[in-house]
Amino acid sequence: MMSSQKPLVTVMIPTYNQEVYIHRTLNSVLEQSYENIEIIVSDDSPHTRIEKIIREHFHDKNIKYIHHEKPQGRVANYHFILYEMATGEWVVNLDGDDYFEDRDFIQNAVNIVTAHPDVVMVVGQQKIYNEATQSFYCPPKIIEDDYQIVSGDWLFLNAIFKNIEIPHLASLYHRKKAIERGFYEMDIISSDRASLFKLMLNENVALLNSYVGVWVHHQKNRSQNMDFKDVFTNVTLYDHLFSYAKKFRKIPYWLLLTWKVLGQYKNIYGYAIEIIEKRGSKDILPFFKSLSDYYPLYAFLLFIDIRIYRKMIKVKYG
């Protein structure tokens, strides 16, 4: 154990039927150079294979394991670990199929928050691994320095305006502040995104120049298996965040409204592209029809978006 002066960091590992990945996930946490870590595995699986893996391979490690006889659900499991189990001053969530790559991530993040007590969150970057194609995607670097302290309001806006990703697995955040801001209250696919956005408002955030870990894309990812209803429910996060941000009276109304509309449209456009790539152009029509019922403005914008038709041609003719 490290000195008590070093803050405790809780690594939350919610998992569901991820026994194929959990060994790698846990190893990536145990290999972190920072030692004062609390590891909590909250298992929503109907079986106990993950418990067996932990017992057989990590019996000598200080890992707290909870198995839910009745599944909590993805977001409820996040909420359970943060509100009822975590005791660290700082928290990072690592889903049971993802893993850390930078072994100094937590150490570097703790160094930053120690040097800058006004920072509520440290955000690194993530690589994306596609199991189907066995390929990695590395988003372009956001900053040039080792780290940079930015206004949370600036990051809130530019996450949409400049497509700056706020990866769940690469974000170390202050536990008590997160609870005060109502983390994981929205039961939607992007509940993690909504939570991190709420936390950064009217606060300072550190951007870390490091690919912290890997988000593994596979057939069972919840975010990779959304239907129309999931998409339309998911975009309500921007309505929620729009109302939440207005309370601080720091960001001009017109700018927040632009942010909301652009954020919702980007989500809808991204899903339309995914439909074309995975199912072909013919399946985009039912989406248009459903979208017209829920969001007629976005249906119109999608209809006149030339990029949609370019993608259709590219998919069909190569």
C-alpha atoms as a PDB file:
ATOM      1  CA  MET A   1       0.000   0.000   0.000  1.00  0.00           C
ATOM      2  CA  MET A   2       1.076   3.549  -0.672  1.00  0.00           C
ATOM      3  CA  SER A   3       1.184   6.391   1.787  1.00  0.00           C
ATOM      4  CA  SER A   4      -2.204   7.528   3.072  1.00  0.00           C
ATOM      5  CA  GLN A   5      -1.405  10.906   1.500  1.00  0.00           C
ATOM      6  CA  LYS A   6      -1.971   9.332  -1.881  1.00  0.00           C
ATOM      7  CA  PRO A   7      -5.706   9.419  -2.715  1.00  0.00           C
ATOM      8  CA  LEU A   8      -7.542   6.159  -3.152  1.00  0.00           C
ATOM      9  CA  VAL A   9      -8.739   5.543  -6.719  1.00  0.00           C
ATOM     10  CA  THR A  10     -11.658   3.199  -7.342  1.00  0.00           C
ATOM     11  CA  VAL A  11     -11.669   1.302 -10.632  1.00  0.00           C
ATOM     12  CA  MET A  12     -15.260   0.297 -11.323  1.00  0.00           C
ATOM     13  CA  ILE A  13     -15.628  -2.813 -13.487  1.00  0.00           C
ATOM     14  CA  PRO A  14     -19.270  -3.510 -14.361  1.00  0.00           C
ATOM     15  CA  THR A  15     -19.570  -6.699 -16.390  1.00  0.00           C
ATOM     16  CA  TYR A  16     -22.160  -8.859 -18.105  1.00  0.00           C
ATOM     17  CA  ASN A  17     -21.260 -12.140 -19.824  1.00  0.00           C
ATOM     18  CA  GLN A  18     -17.719 -10.889 -20.482  1.00  0.00           C
ATOM     19  CA  GLU A  19     -15.740 -13.862 -19.163  1.00  0.00           C
ATOM     20  CA  VAL A  20     -13.784 -13.965 -22.451  1.00  0.00           C
ATOM     21  CA  TYR A  21     -12.378 -10.496 -21.735  1.00  0.00           C
ATOM     22  CA  ILE A  22     -12.297 -10.116 -17.954  1.00  0.00           C
ATOM     23  CA  HIS A  23      -8.821 -11.625 -17.438  1.00  0.00           C
ATOM     24  CA  ARG A  24      -7.241  -9.025 -19.730  1.00  0.00           C
ATOM     25  CA  THR A  25      -9.300  -6.235 -18.167  1.00  0.00           C
ATOM     26  CA  LEU A  26      -8.214  -7.077 -14.627  1.00  0.00           C
ATOM     27  CA  ASN A  27      -4.582  -7.526 -15.615  1.00  0.00           C
ATOM     28  CA  SER A  28      -4.564  -4.074 -17.186  1.00  0.00           C
ATOM     29  CA  VAL A  29      -5.704  -2.579 -13.863  1.00  0.00           C
ATOM     30  CA  LEU A  30      -3.273  -4.588 -11.761  1.00  0.00           C
ATOM     31  CA  GLU A  31      -0.422  -3.496 -14.037  1.00  0.00           C
ATOM     32  CA  GLN A  32      -1.072   0.182 -13.296  1.00  0.00           C
ATOM     33  CA  SER A  33       1.971   1.839 -11.732  1.00  0.00           C
ATOM     34  CA  TYR A  34      -0.253   3.574  -9.166  1.00  0.00           C
ATOM     35  CA  GLU A  35      -0.789   1.270  -6.225  1.00  0.00           C
ATOM     36  CA  ASN A  36      -3.516   2.801  -4.072  1.00  0.00           C
ATOM     37  CA  ILE A  37      -6.349   1.336  -6.139  1.00  0.00           C
ATOM     38  CA  GLU A  38      -9.650  -0.206  -5.105  1.00  0.00           C
ATOM     39  CA  ILE A  39     -10.952  -2.691  -7.716  1.00  0.00           C
ATOM     40  CA  ILE A  40     -14.669  -3.486  -7.713  1.00  0.00           C
ATOM     41  CA  VAL A  41     -16.160  -6.038 -10.116  1.00  0.00           C
ATOM     42  CA  SER A  42     -19.946  -5.895 -10.240  1.00  0.00           C
ATOM     43  CA  ASP A  43     -21.189  -8.904 -12.196  1.00  0.00           C
ATOM     44  CA  ASP A  44     -24.630  -8.814 -13.791  1.00  0.00           C
ATOM     45  CA  SER A  45     -24.175 -12.174 -15.524  1.00  0.00           C
ATOM     46  CA  PRO A  46     -26.739 -14.928 -14.860  1.00  0.00           C
ATOM     47  CA  HIS A  47     -23.872 -17.377 -14.247  1.00  0.00           C
ATOM     48  CA  THR A  48     -20.753 -17.155 -12.036  1.00  0.00           C
ATOM     49  CA  ARG A  49     -17.995 -17.909 -14.541  1.00  0.00           C
ATOM     50  CA  ILE A  50     -16.377 -14.531 -13.913  1.00  0.00           C
ATOM     51  CA  GLU A  51     -16.276 -15.238 -10.175  1.00  0.00           C
ATOM     52  CA  LYS A  52     -14.501 -18.525 -10.952  1.00  0.00           C
ATOM     53  CA  ILE A  53     -11.907 -16.722 -13.096  1.00  0.00           C
ATOM     54  CA  ILE A  54     -11.220 -14.231 -10.314  1.00  0.00           C
ATOM     55  CA  ARG A  55     -10.997 -16.974  -7.707  1.00  0.00           C
ATOM     56  CA  GLU A  56      -8.624 -19.095  -9.797  1.00  0.00           C
ATOM     57  CA  HIS A  57      -6.382 -16.408 -11.287  1.00  0.00           C
ATOM     58  CA  PHE A  58      -6.655 -13.400  -8.968  1.00  0.00           C
ATOM     59  CA  HIS A  59      -7.257 -14.978  -5.557  1.00  0.00           C
ATOM     60  CA  ASP A  60      -4.254 -13.196  -4.058  1.00  0.00           C
ATOM     61  CA  LYS A  61      -5.351  -9.773  -5.320  1.00  0.00           C
ATOM     62  CA  ASN A  62      -7.534  -7.371  -3.401  1.00  0.00           C
ATOM     63  CA  ILE A  63     -10.543  -7.448  -5.720  1.00  0.00           C
ATOM     64  CA  LYS A  64     -14.062  -6.835  -4.428  1.00  0.00           C
ATOM     65  CA  TYR A  65     -16.489  -9.035  -6.341  1.00  0.00           C
ATOM     66  CA  ILE A  66     -20.276  -8.758  -6.303  1.00  0.00           C
ATOM     67  CA  HIS A  67     -22.599 -11.073  -8.209  1.00  0.00           C
ATOM     68  CA  HIS A  68     -26.175  -9.923  -8.730  1.00  0.00           C
ATOM     69  CA  GLU A  69     -28.649 -12.786  -8.606  1.00  0.00           C
ATOM     70  CA  LYS A  70     -31.134 -10.480 -10.290  1.00  0.00           C
ATOM     71  CA  PRO A  71     -29.470  -8.466 -13.093  1.00  0.00           C
ATOM     72  CA  GLN A  72     -29.323  -4.748 -12.420  1.00  0.00           C
ATOM     73  CA  GLY A  73     -29.084  -3.584 -16.000  1.00  0.00           C
ATOM     74  CA  ARG A  74     -26.151  -1.725 -17.525  1.00  0.00           C
ATOM     75  CA  VAL A  75     -26.778   1.802 -16.174  1.00  0.00           C
ATOM     76  CA  ALA A  76     -28.127   0.594 -12.828  1.00  0.00           C
ATOM     77  CA  ASN A  77     -24.927  -1.402 -12.401  1.00  0.00           C
ATOM     78  CA  TYR A  78     -22.840   1.755 -12.986  1.00  0.00           C
ATOM     79  CA  HIS A  79     -25.016   3.538 -10.425  1.00  0.00           C
ATOM     80  CA  PHE A  80     -24.735   0.709  -7.900  1.00  0.00           C
ATOM     81  CA  ILE A  81     -20.936   0.630  -7.897  1.00  0.00           C
ATOM     82  CA  LEU A  82     -20.515   4.399  -7.716  1.00  0.00           C
ATOM     83  CA  TYR A  83     -23.156   5.129  -5.084  1.00  0.00           C
ATOM     84  CA  GLU A  84     -23.055   2.000  -2.933  1.00  0.00           C
ATOM     85  CA  MET A  85     -19.635   0.345  -3.274  1.00  0.00           C
ATOM     86  CA  ALA A  86     -16.914   2.821  -4.305  1.00  0.00           C
ATOM     87  CA  THR A  87     -14.965   4.501  -1.518  1.00  0.00           C
ATOM     88  CA  GLY A  88     -12.157   6.161  -3.499  1.00  0.00           C
ATOM     89  CA  GLU A  89     -11.816   9.913  -3.712  1.00  0.00           C
ATOM     90  CA  TRP A  90     -11.400   9.433  -7.448  1.00  0.00           C
ATOM     91  CA  VAL A  91     -13.108   6.970  -9.775  1.00  0.00           C
ATOM     92  CA  VAL A  92     -12.640   5.577 -13.269  1.00  0.00           C
ATOM     93  CA  ASN A  93     -14.988   3.118 -14.981  1.00  0.00           C
ATOM     94  CA  LEU A  94     -13.601   0.265 -17.068  1.00  0.00           C
ATOM     95  CA  ASP A  95     -16.205  -2.023 -18.610  1.00  0.00           C
ATOM     96  CA  GLY A  96     -15.446  -5.730 -18.352  1.00  0.00           C
ATOM     97  CA  ASP A  97     -14.539  -6.085 -22.025  1.00  0.00           C
ATOM     98  CA  ASP A  98     -12.199  -3.066 -22.278  1.00  0.00           C
ATOM     99  CA  TYR A  99      -8.700  -2.549 -20.935  1.00  0.00           C
ATOM    100  CA  PHE A 100      -6.081   0.021 -19.989  1.00  0.00           C
ATOM    101  CA  GLU A 101      -3.040   0.349 -22.231  1.00  0.00           C
ATOM    102  CA  ASP A 102      -1.135   3.166 -20.545  1.00  0.00           C
ATOM    103  CA  ARG A 103       0.134   1.675 -17.273  1.00  0.00           C
ATOM    104  CA  ASP A 104       0.863   5.183 -15.932  1.00  0.00           C
ATOM    105  CA  PHE A 105      -2.615   6.591 -16.625  1.00  0.00           C
ATOM    106  CA  ILE A 106      -3.870   6.654 -13.049  1.00  0.00           C
ATOM    107  CA  GLN A 107      -0.527   7.840 -11.663  1.00  0.00           C
ATOM    108  CA  ASN A 108      -0.390  10.706 -14.162  1.00  0.00           C
ATOM    109  CA  ALA A 109      -4.011  11.623 -13.532  1.00  0.00           C
ATOM    110  CA  VAL A 110      -3.495  11.696  -9.759  1.00  0.00           C
ATOM    111  CA  ASN A 111      -0.393  13.860 -10.214  1.00  0.00           C
ATOM    112  CA  ILE A 112      -2.503  16.355 -12.165  1.00  0.00           C
ATOM    113  CA  VAL A 113      -5.375  16.581  -9.683  1.00  0.00           C
ATOM    114  CA  THR A 114      -2.881  16.879  -6.824  1.00  0.00           C
ATOM    115  CA  ALA A 115      -1.155  19.786  -8.551  1.00  0.00           C
ATOM    116  CA  HIS A 116      -4.465  21.355  -9.612  1.00  0.00           C
ATOM    117  CA  PRO A 117      -7.050  20.948  -6.803  1.00  0.00           C
ATOM    118  CA  ASP A 118      -9.710  22.788  -8.849  1.00  0.00           C
ATOM    119  CA  VAL A 119      -9.782  20.019 -11.478  1.00  0.00           C
ATOM    120  CA  VAL A 120     -12.754  17.628 -11.157  1.00  0.00           C
ATOM    121  CA  MET A 121     -11.893  15.300 -14.013  1.00  0.00           C
ATOM    122  CA  VAL A 122      -8.912  14.138 -16.071  1.00  0.00           C
ATOM    123  CA  VAL A 123      -9.755  13.037 -19.615  1.00  0.00           C
ATOM    124  CA  GLY A 124      -7.391  10.970 -21.736  1.00  0.00           C
ATOM    125  CA  GLN A 125      -8.009   9.379 -25.119  1.00  0.00           C
ATOM    126  CA  GLN A 126      -8.921   5.865 -26.161  1.00  0.00           C
ATOM    127  CA  LYS A 127      -8.128   3.573 -29.036  1.00  0.00           C
ATOM    128  CA  ILE A 128     -10.946   1.603 -30.625  1.00  0.00           C
ATOM    129  CA  TYR A 129     -10.415  -2.040 -31.527  1.00  0.00           C
ATOM    130  CA  ASN A 130     -12.791  -3.625 -34.024  1.00  0.00           C
ATOM    131  CA  GLU A 131     -12.925  -7.367 -33.455  1.00  0.00           C
ATOM    132  CA  ALA A 132     -14.596  -8.035 -36.809  1.00  0.00           C
ATOM    133  CA  THR A 133     -11.791  -6.434 -38.812  1.00  0.00           C
ATOM    134  CA  GLN A 134      -9.076  -6.947 -36.159  1.00  0.00           C
ATOM    135  CA  SER A 135      -8.035  -3.340 -36.570  1.00  0.00           C
ATOM    136  CA  PHE A 136      -7.342  -0.366 -34.319  1.00  0.00           C
ATOM    137  CA  TYR A 137      -8.518   3.206 -34.780  1.00  0.00           C
ATOM    138  CA  CYS A 138      -6.597   5.958 -33.007  1.00  0.00           C
ATOM    139  CA  PRO A 139      -8.369   9.347 -32.935  1.00  0.00           C
ATOM    140  CA  PRO A 140      -6.108  12.333 -33.624  1.00  0.00           C
ATOM    141  CA  LYS A 141      -4.372  13.898 -30.645  1.00  0.00           C
ATOM    142  CA  ILE A 142      -6.270  16.772 -29.038  1.00  0.00           C
ATOM    143  CA  ILE A 143      -3.345  18.583 -27.409  1.00  0.00           C
ATOM    144  CA  GLU A 144       0.422  18.761 -27.885  1.00  0.00           C
ATOM    145  CA  ASP A 145       1.580  19.158 -24.265  1.00  0.00           C
ATOM    146  CA  ASP A 146       1.546  16.333 -21.726  1.00  0.00           C
ATOM    147  CA  TYR A 147      -1.645  17.780 -20.327  1.00  0.00           C
ATOM    148  CA  GLN A 148      -3.695  20.951 -20.452  1.00  0.00           C
ATOM    149  CA  ILE A 149      -6.167  22.490 -17.997  1.00  0.00           C
ATOM    150  CA  VAL A 150      -9.291  23.730 -19.759  1.00  0.00           C
ATOM    151  CA  SER A 151     -12.621  25.208 -18.827  1.00  0.00           C
ATOM    152  CA  GLY A 152     -15.259  22.521 -18.521  1.00  0.00           C
ATOM    153  CA  ASP A 153     -17.710  24.792 -20.348  1.00  0.00           C
ATOM    154  CA  TRP A 154     -15.277  25.018 -23.261  1.00  0.00           C
ATOM    155  CA  LEU A 155     -14.939  21.242 -23.365  1.00  0.00           C
ATOM    156  CA  PHE A 156     -18.712  20.794 -23.025  1.00  0.00           C
ATOM    157  CA  LEU A 157     -19.273  22.892 -26.137  1.00  0.00           C
ATOM    158  CA  ASN A 158     -16.356  21.644 -28.208  1.00  0.00           C
ATOM    159  CA  ALA A 159     -17.062  17.994 -27.560  1.00  0.00           C
ATOM    160  CA  ILE A 160     -19.845  18.650 -30.083  1.00  0.00           C
ATOM    161  CA  PHE A 161     -18.520  21.558 -32.151  1.00  0.00           C
ATOM    162  CA  LYS A 162     -15.041  20.054 -32.628  1.00  0.00           C
ATOM    163  CA  ASN A 163     -15.849  16.362 -32.097  1.00  0.00           C
ATOM    164  CA  ILE A 164     -13.685  15.996 -28.987  1.00  0.00           C
ATOM    165  CA  GLU A 165     -14.345  12.579 -27.493  1.00  0.00           C
ATOM    166  CA  ILE A 166     -14.826  12.163 -23.743  1.00  0.00           C
ATOM    167  CA  PRO A 167     -14.164   8.420 -23.296  1.00  0.00           C
ATOM    168  CA  HIS A 168     -15.702   6.779 -20.261  1.00  0.00           C
ATOM    169  CA  LEU A 169     -12.736   4.451 -19.694  1.00  0.00           C
ATOM    170  CA  ALA A 170     -10.260   7.323 -20.025  1.00  0.00           C
ATOM    171  CA  SER A 171     -11.957   9.718 -17.592  1.00  0.00           C
ATOM    172  CA  LEU A 172     -10.900   9.804 -13.954  1.00  0.00           C
ATOM    173  CA  TYR A 173     -13.429  11.856 -11.995  1.00  0.00           C
ATOM    174  CA  HIS A 174     -14.094  13.075  -8.456  1.00  0.00           C
ATOM    175  CA  ARG A 175     -16.527  10.661  -6.795  1.00  0.00           C
ATOM    176  CA  LYS A 176     -18.392  13.006  -4.466  1.00  0.00           C
ATOM    177  CA  LYS A 177     -18.750  15.698  -7.129  1.00  0.00           C
ATOM    178  CA  ALA A 178     -20.076  13.092  -9.536  1.00  0.00           C
ATOM    179  CA  ILE A 179     -22.704  11.943  -7.056  1.00  0.00           C
ATOM    180  CA  GLU A 180     -23.710  15.551  -6.383  1.00  0.00           C
ATOM    181  CA  ARG A 181     -24.208  16.060 -10.125  1.00  0.00           C
ATOM    182  CA  GLY A 182     -26.394  12.955 -10.418  1.00  0.00           C
ATOM    183  CA  PHE A 183     -24.180  10.522 -12.309  1.00  0.00           C
ATOM    184  CA  TYR A 184     -25.875   7.644 -14.162  1.00  0.00           C
ATOM    185  CA  GLU A 185     -29.414   8.932 -13.635  1.00  0.00           C
ATOM    186  CA  MET A 186     -30.502   8.623 -17.264  1.00  0.00           C
ATOM    187  CA  ASP A 187     -31.182   5.028 -18.306  1.00  0.00           C
ATOM    188  CA  ILE A 188     -30.026   5.444 -21.895  1.00  0.00           C
ATOM    189  CA  ILE A 189     -27.177   4.068 -24.013  1.00  0.00           C
ATOM    190  CA  SER A 190     -25.086   7.213 -23.510  1.00  0.00           C
ATOM    191  CA  SER A 191     -25.722   7.618 -19.786  1.00  0.00           C
ATOM    192  CA  ASP A 192     -21.957   7.745 -19.233  1.00  0.00           C
ATOM    193  CA  ARG A 193     -21.603  10.584 -21.753  1.00  0.00           C
ATOM    194  CA  ALA A 194     -24.453  12.534 -20.183  1.00  0.00           C
ATOM    195  CA  SER A 195     -22.896  12.109 -16.728  1.00  0.00           C
ATOM    196  CA  LEU A 196     -19.423  13.272 -17.726  1.00  0.00           C
ATOM    197  CA  PHE A 197     -20.905  16.283 -19.527  1.00  0.00           C
ATOM    198  CA  LYS A 198     -22.833  17.292 -16.404  1.00  0.00           C
ATOM    199  CA  LEU A 199     -19.744  17.059 -14.226  1.00  0.00           C
ATOM    200  CA  MET A 200     -17.573  19.317 -16.374  1.00  0.00           C
ATOM    201  CA  LEU A 201     -20.009  22.251 -16.436  1.00  0.00           C
ATOM    202  CA  ASN A 202     -18.767  25.280 -14.499  1.00  0.00           C
ATOM    203  CA  GLU A 203     -15.634  23.335 -13.473  1.00  0.00           C
ATOM    204  CA  ASN A 204     -12.066  22.819 -14.680  1.00  0.00           C
ATOM    205  CA  VAL A 205     -10.984  19.697 -16.535  1.00  0.00           C
ATOM    206  CA  ALA A 206      -7.538  18.350 -17.452  1.00  0.00           C
ATOM    207  CA  LEU A 207      -6.939  16.905 -20.913  1.00  0.00           C
ATOM    208  CA  LEU A 208      -4.279  14.200 -20.873  1.00  0.00           C
ATOM    209  CA  ASN A 209      -2.128  13.587 -23.953  1.00  0.00           C
ATOM    210  CA  SER A 210      -2.238   9.809 -23.794  1.00  0.00           C
ATOM    211  CA  TYR A 211      -4.123   6.894 -25.313  1.00  0.00           C
ATOM    212  CA  VAL A 212      -5.260   5.549 -21.973  1.00  0.00           C
ATOM    213  CA  GLY A 213      -6.925   2.333 -23.029  1.00  0.00           C
ATOM    214  CA  VAL A 214      -8.874   0.381 -25.601  1.00  0.00           C
ATOM    215  CA  TRP A 215     -12.597   0.291 -26.219  1.00  0.00           C
ATOM    216  CA  VAL A 216     -13.319  -3.097 -27.761  1.00  0.00           C
ATOM    217  CA  HIS A 217     -16.054  -3.176 -30.419  1.00  0.00           C
ATOM    218  CA  HIS A 218     -17.698  -6.567 -30.816  1.00  0.00           C
ATOM    219  CA  GLN A 219     -21.100  -7.992 -31.711  1.00  0.00           C
ATOM    220  CA  LYS A 220     -22.397  -7.921 -28.137  1.00  0.00           C
ATOM    221  CA  ASN A 221     -21.644  -4.239 -27.444  1.00  0.00           C
ATOM    222  CA  ARG A 222     -24.850  -2.531 -26.338  1.00  0.00           C
ATOM    223  CA  SER A 223     -23.864   0.607 -28.259  1.00  0.00           C
ATOM    224  CA  GLN A 224     -23.355  -1.449 -31.420  1.00  0.00           C
ATOM    225  CA  ASN A 225     -26.849  -2.957 -31.309  1.00  0.00           C
ATOM    226  CA  MET A 226     -29.176   0.010 -31.060  1.00  0.00           C
ATOM    227  CA  ASP A 227     -32.597   0.028 -32.691  1.00  0.00           C
ATOM    228  CA  PHE A 228     -34.617   3.072 -33.754  1.00  0.00           C
ATOM    229  CA  LYS A 229     -36.182   3.464 -30.324  1.00  0.00           C
ATOM    230  CA  ASP A 230     -32.769   3.365 -28.624  1.00  0.00           C
ATOM    231  CA  VAL A 231     -31.488   6.131 -30.909  1.00  0.00           C
ATOM    232  CA  PHE A 232     -34.476   8.407 -30.370  1.00  0.00           C
ATOM    233  CA  THR A 233     -34.321   7.864 -26.614  1.00  0.00           C
ATOM    234  CA  ASN A 234     -30.579   8.420 -26.583  1.00  0.00           C
ATOM    235  CA  VAL A 235     -30.739  11.859 -28.204  1.00  0.00           C
ATOM    236  CA  THR A 236     -32.905  13.069 -25.312  1.00  0.00           C
ATOM    237  CA  LEU A 237     -29.647  13.415 -23.371  1.00  0.00           C
ATOM    238  CA  TYR A 238     -29.102  16.697 -25.226  1.00  0.00           C
ATOM    239  CA  ASP A 239     -32.467  18.025 -24.055  1.00  0.00           C
ATOM    240  CA  HIS A 240     -31.530  17.031 -20.510  1.00  0.00           C
ATOM    241  CA  LEU A 241     -28.081  18.617 -20.713  1.00  0.00           C
ATOM    242  CA  PHE A 242     -29.468  21.742 -22.388  1.00  0.00           C
ATOM    243  CA  SER A 243     -31.818  22.293 -19.437  1.00  0.00           C
ATOM    244  CA  TYR A 244     -29.102  21.411 -16.926  1.00  0.00           C
ATOM    245  CA  ALA A 245     -26.540  23.804 -18.437  1.00  0.00           C
ATOM    246  CA  LYS A 246     -29.029  26.686 -18.476  1.00  0.00           C
ATOM    247  CA  LYS A 247     -29.128  26.603 -14.664  1.00  0.00           C
ATOM    248  CA  PHE A 248     -25.523  27.820 -14.467  1.00  0.00           C
ATOM    249  CA  ARG A 249     -26.259  30.843 -16.706  1.00  0.00           C
ATOM    250  CA  LYS A 250     -22.711  30.807 -18.050  1.00  0.00           C
ATOM    251  CA  ILE A 251     -23.224  29.708 -21.670  1.00  0.00           C
ATOM    252  CA  PRO A 252     -25.400  31.972 -23.876  1.00  0.00           C
ATOM    253  CA  TYR A 253     -28.817  30.530 -24.667  1.00  0.00           C
ATOM    254  CA  TRP A 254     -28.343  30.695 -28.442  1.00  0.00           C
ATOM    255  CA  LEU A 255     -25.032  28.826 -28.163  1.00  0.00           C
ATOM    256  CA  LEU A 256     -26.555  26.122 -25.974  1.00  0.00           C
ATOM    257  CA  LEU A 257     -29.462  25.716 -28.383  1.00  0.00           C
ATOM    258  CA  THR A 258     -27.058  25.367 -31.310  1.00  0.00           C
ATOM    259  CA  TRP A 259     -25.085  22.810 -29.288  1.00  0.00           C
ATOM    260  CA  LYS A 260     -28.218  20.785 -28.572  1.00  0.00           C
ATOM    261  CA  VAL A 261     -29.470  20.702 -32.156  1.00  0.00           C
ATOM    262  CA  LEU A 262     -26.040  19.855 -33.565  1.00  0.00           C
ATOM    263  CA  GLY A 263     -25.468  17.142 -30.944  1.00  0.00           C
ATOM    264  CA  GLN A 264     -28.800  15.486 -31.676  1.00  0.00           C
ATOM    265  CA  TYR A 265     -28.315  15.655 -35.420  1.00  0.00           C
ATOM    266  CA  LYS A 266     -24.800  14.206 -35.240  1.00  0.00           C
ATOM    267  CA  ASN A 267     -26.157  11.244 -33.273  1.00  0.00           C
ATOM    268  CA  ILE A 268     -28.939  10.649 -35.776  1.00  0.00           C
ATOM    269  CA  TYR A 269     -26.644  11.095 -38.769  1.00  0.00           C
ATOM    270  CA  GLY A 270     -24.127   8.655 -37.296  1.00  0.00           C
ATOM    271  CA  TYR A 271     -26.794   6.020 -36.841  1.00  0.00           C
ATOM    272  CA  ALA A 272     -28.033   6.512 -40.413  1.00  0.00           C
ATOM    273  CA  ILE A 273     -24.507   5.941 -41.698  1.00  0.00           C
ATOM    274  CA  GLU A 274     -24.260   2.809 -39.563  1.00  0.00           C
ATOM    275  CA  ILE A 275     -27.500   1.468 -41.075  1.00  0.00           C
ATOM    276  CA  ILE A 276     -26.196   2.001 -44.604  1.00  0.00           C
ATOM    277  CA  GLU A 277     -22.859   0.347 -43.821  1.00  0.00           C
ATOM    278  CA  LYS A 278     -24.321  -2.662 -42.009  1.00  0.00           C
ATOM    279  CA  ARG A 279     -27.637  -3.265 -43.759  1.00  0.00           C
ATOM    280  CA  GLY A 280     -27.529  -1.422 -47.068  1.00  0.00           C
ATOM    281  CA  SER A 281     -29.338   1.552 -48.559  1.00  0.00           C
ATOM    282  CA  LYS A 282     -32.775  -0.095 -48.693  1.00  0.00           C
ATOM    283  CA  ASP A 283     -33.025  -0.223 -44.893  1.00  0.00           C
ATOM    284  CA  ILE A 284     -32.580   3.515 -44.488  1.00  0.00           C
ATOM    285  CA  LEU A 285     -36.186   4.210 -45.573  1.00  0.00           C
ATOM    286  CA  PRO A 286     -37.855   2.735 -42.435  1.00  0.00           C
ATOM    287  CA  PHE A 287     -35.491   4.853 -40.347  1.00  0.00           C
ATOM    288  CA  PHE A 288     -36.505   7.989 -42.273  1.00  0.00           C
ATOM    289  CA  LYS A 289     -40.177   7.204 -41.649  1.00  0.00           C
ATOM    290  CA  SER A 290     -39.690   6.660 -37.912  1.00  0.00           C
ATOM    291  CA  LEU A 291     -37.496   9.723 -37.641  1.00  0.00           C
ATOM    292  CA  SER A 292     -40.215  11.824 -39.281  1.00  0.00           C
ATOM    293  CA  ASP A 293     -42.606  10.864 -36.484  1.00  0.00           C
ATOM    294  CA  TYR A 294     -40.187  11.715 -33.677  1.00  0.00           C
ATOM    295  CA  TYR A 295     -38.000  14.476 -35.110  1.00  0.00           C
ATOM    296  CA  PRO A 296     -39.369  15.914 -38.391  1.00  0.00           C
ATOM    297  CA  LEU A 297     -36.705  18.648 -38.494  1.00  0.00           C
ATOM    298  CA  TYR A 298     -33.874  16.116 -38.351  1.00  0.00           C
ATOM    299  CA  ALA A 299     -35.632  13.912 -40.897  1.00  0.00           C
ATOM    300  CA  PHE A 300     -35.647  16.867 -43.282  1.00  0.00           C
ATOM    301  CA  LEU A 301     -31.993  17.694 -42.593  1.00  0.00           C
ATOM    302  CA  LEU A 302     -31.038  14.057 -43.140  1.00  0.00           C
ATOM    303  CA  PHE A 303     -33.038  13.957 -46.364  1.00  0.00           C
ATOM    304  CA  ILE A 304     -31.078  16.888 -47.823  1.00  0.00           C
ATOM    305  CA  ASP A 305     -27.688  15.828 -46.410  1.00  0.00           C
ATOM    306  CA  ILE A 306     -25.596  14.994 -49.476  1.00  0.00           C
ATOM    307  CA  ARG A 307     -23.225  12.890 -47.378  1.00  0.00           C
ATOM    308  CA  ILE A 308     -25.941  10.279 -46.925  1.00  0.00           C
ATOM    309  CA  TYR A 309     -26.251   9.770 -50.666  1.00  0.00           C
ATOM    310  CA  ARG A 310     -22.492   9.682 -51.138  1.00  0.00           C
ATOM    311  CA  LYS A 311     -22.297   6.931 -48.524  1.00  0.00           C
ATOM    312  CA  MET A 312     -25.072   4.986 -50.297  1.00  0.00           C
ATOM    313  CA  ILE A 313     -23.196   5.160 -53.597  1.00  0.00           C
ATOM    314  CA  LYS A 314     -19.914   4.192 -51.980  1.00  0.00           C
ATOM    315  CA  VAL A 315     -21.435   1.175 -50.215  1.00  0.00           C
ATOM    316  CA  LYS A 316     -23.227  -0.002 -53.334  1.00  0.00           C
ATOM    317  CA  TYR A 317     -20.513   0.562 -55.901  1.00  0.00           C
ATOM    318  CA  GLY A 318     -17.339   0.674 -53.821  1.00  0.00           C
END
